[in-house]
Amino acid sequence: MLLKNEASIQVQAAIAVIMTVAGFYFQISPAEWIFQTLAIGLVMSIEGLNTAAEEIANFVHPDFHNKIGYIKDVAAGAVFFAAIAAVVVGCIIYIPKF
C-alpha cells in the first residue's frame, strides 16, 4: 500500500532502483553493497514511519493543530536526516569511482 499510494516513497523507491543499477554498473564491493542496502532500507523505513505518523495524526485530529504540525515536522525531519546519511554513504561509495 505504501509504495502504491505515497508519492514520497515512490520517489525514494525510484532513487533506490537507480542506485542499485549504479552499484552493478560500477561493480561496487560487497561491503559497499551492505552500506548502500542499509542506507536505502533506512530511508525507506523512516519514510514509512513518517507516513504512519502523519496518517495517525490526521485520523486523531483532522483539523490544523500546532502540536499535530510539530509531530509531523519531527517525523519529516527524521526522514531528512536519514536521507542526508544515505547521500553521504552514496558519495563515499561513488565519488571515488569518477
Protein backbone atom coordinates (compact mmCIF):
# COMPACT_ATOMS: atom_id res chain seq x y z
CA MET A 1 0.00 0.00 0.00
CA LEU A 2 2.75 2.42 0.90
CA LEU A 3 4.50 2.20 -2.46
CA LYS A 4 1.20 2.34 -4.30
CA ASN A 5 -0.25 5.39 -2.53
CA GLU A 6 2.59 7.62 -1.36
CA ALA A 7 4.46 9.86 -3.79
CA SER A 8 7.37 10.37 -1.38
CA ILE A 9 8.06 6.64 -1.08
CA GLN A 10 7.72 6.29 -4.86
CA VAL A 11 10.50 8.86 -5.27
CA GLN A 12 12.63 7.04 -2.71
CA ALA A 13 12.00 3.71 -4.47
CA ALA A 14 12.99 5.22 -7.83
CA ILE A 15 16.22 6.53 -6.29
CA ALA A 16 16.82 3.07 -4.76
CA VAL A 17 16.47 1.45 -8.19
CA ILE A 18 18.86 3.99 -9.75
CA MET A 19 21.42 3.41 -7.00
CA THR A 20 21.09 -0.36 -7.37
CA VAL A 21 21.71 -0.10 -11.12
CA ALA A 22 24.68 2.17 -10.38
CA GLY A 23 26.01 -0.44 -7.97
CA PHE A 24 26.00 -3.08 -10.69
CA TYR A 25 27.44 -0.66 -13.27
CA PHE A 26 30.33 0.40 -11.03
CA GLN A 27 30.79 -3.11 -9.61
CA ILE A 28 30.84 -1.95 -6.02
CA SER A 29 32.36 -4.21 -3.38
CA PRO A 30 30.35 -6.46 -1.05
CA ALA A 31 30.94 -4.02 1.83
CA GLU A 32 29.71 -1.14 -0.33
CA TRP A 33 26.61 -3.18 -1.20
CA ILE A 34 25.95 -3.68 2.50
CA PHE A 35 26.24 0.03 3.28
CA GLN A 36 24.16 1.00 0.26
CA THR A 37 21.44 -1.53 1.11
CA LEU A 38 21.35 -0.40 4.73
CA ALA A 39 21.12 3.26 3.65
CA ILE A 40 18.26 2.51 1.25
CA GLY A 41 16.47 0.43 3.86
CA LEU A 42 16.93 3.12 6.49
CA VAL A 43 15.47 5.88 4.32
CA MET A 44 12.53 3.80 3.11
CA SER A 45 11.77 2.54 6.62
CA ILE A 46 11.83 6.01 8.15
CA GLU A 47 9.69 7.26 5.26
CA GLY A 48 7.15 4.56 6.09
CA LEU A 49 7.18 5.54 9.77
CA ASN A 50 6.76 9.19 8.76
CA THR A 51 3.73 8.30 6.67
CA ALA A 52 2.27 6.27 9.53
CA ALA A 53 2.78 9.15 11.99
CA GLU A 54 1.11 11.58 9.58
CA GLU A 55 -1.84 9.27 8.97
CA ILE A 56 -2.36 8.68 12.70
CA ALA A 57 -2.14 12.42 13.36
CA ASN A 58 -4.67 13.16 10.62
CA PHE A 59 -7.01 10.49 11.98
CA VAL A 60 -6.79 11.71 15.57
CA HIS A 61 -7.07 15.41 14.74
CA PRO A 62 -8.10 16.13 11.12
CA ASP A 63 -8.09 19.91 11.60
CA PHE A 64 -4.94 22.00 11.93
CA HIS A 65 -3.36 21.92 15.36
CA ASN A 66 0.04 23.22 16.41
CA LYS A 67 1.02 20.02 18.23
CA ILE A 68 -0.01 17.85 15.27
CA GLY A 69 2.03 20.10 12.98
CA TYR A 70 5.01 19.73 15.30
CA ILE A 71 4.69 15.93 15.33
CA LYS A 72 4.57 15.87 11.53
CA ASP A 73 7.60 18.16 11.32
CA VAL A 74 9.60 15.94 13.66
CA ALA A 75 8.72 12.83 11.61
CA ALA A 76 9.65 14.61 8.37
CA GLY A 77 12.91 15.74 9.98
CA ALA A 78 13.76 12.12 10.73
CA VAL A 79 13.36 11.32 7.03
CA PHE A 80 15.58 14.28 6.17
CA PHE A 81 18.38 13.08 8.47
CA ALA A 82 18.14 9.53 7.10
CA ALA A 83 18.25 10.88 3.54
CA ILE A 84 21.32 13.01 4.32
CA ALA A 85 23.05 9.97 5.79
CA ALA A 86 22.19 7.98 2.65
CA VAL A 87 23.58 10.75 0.42
CA VAL A 88 26.81 10.72 2.44
CA VAL A 89 27.06 6.94 2.04
CA GLY A 90 26.41 7.30 -1.70
CA CYS A 91 29.09 9.96 -2.02
CA ILE A 92 31.63 7.86 -0.14
CA ILE A 93 30.90 4.92 -2.44
CA TYR A 94 30.58 6.65 -5.81
CA ILE A 95 32.77 9.77 -5.83
CA PRO A 96 36.00 7.70 -5.95
CA LYS A 97 34.59 5.84 -8.97
CA PHE A 98 34.64 9.03 -11.05
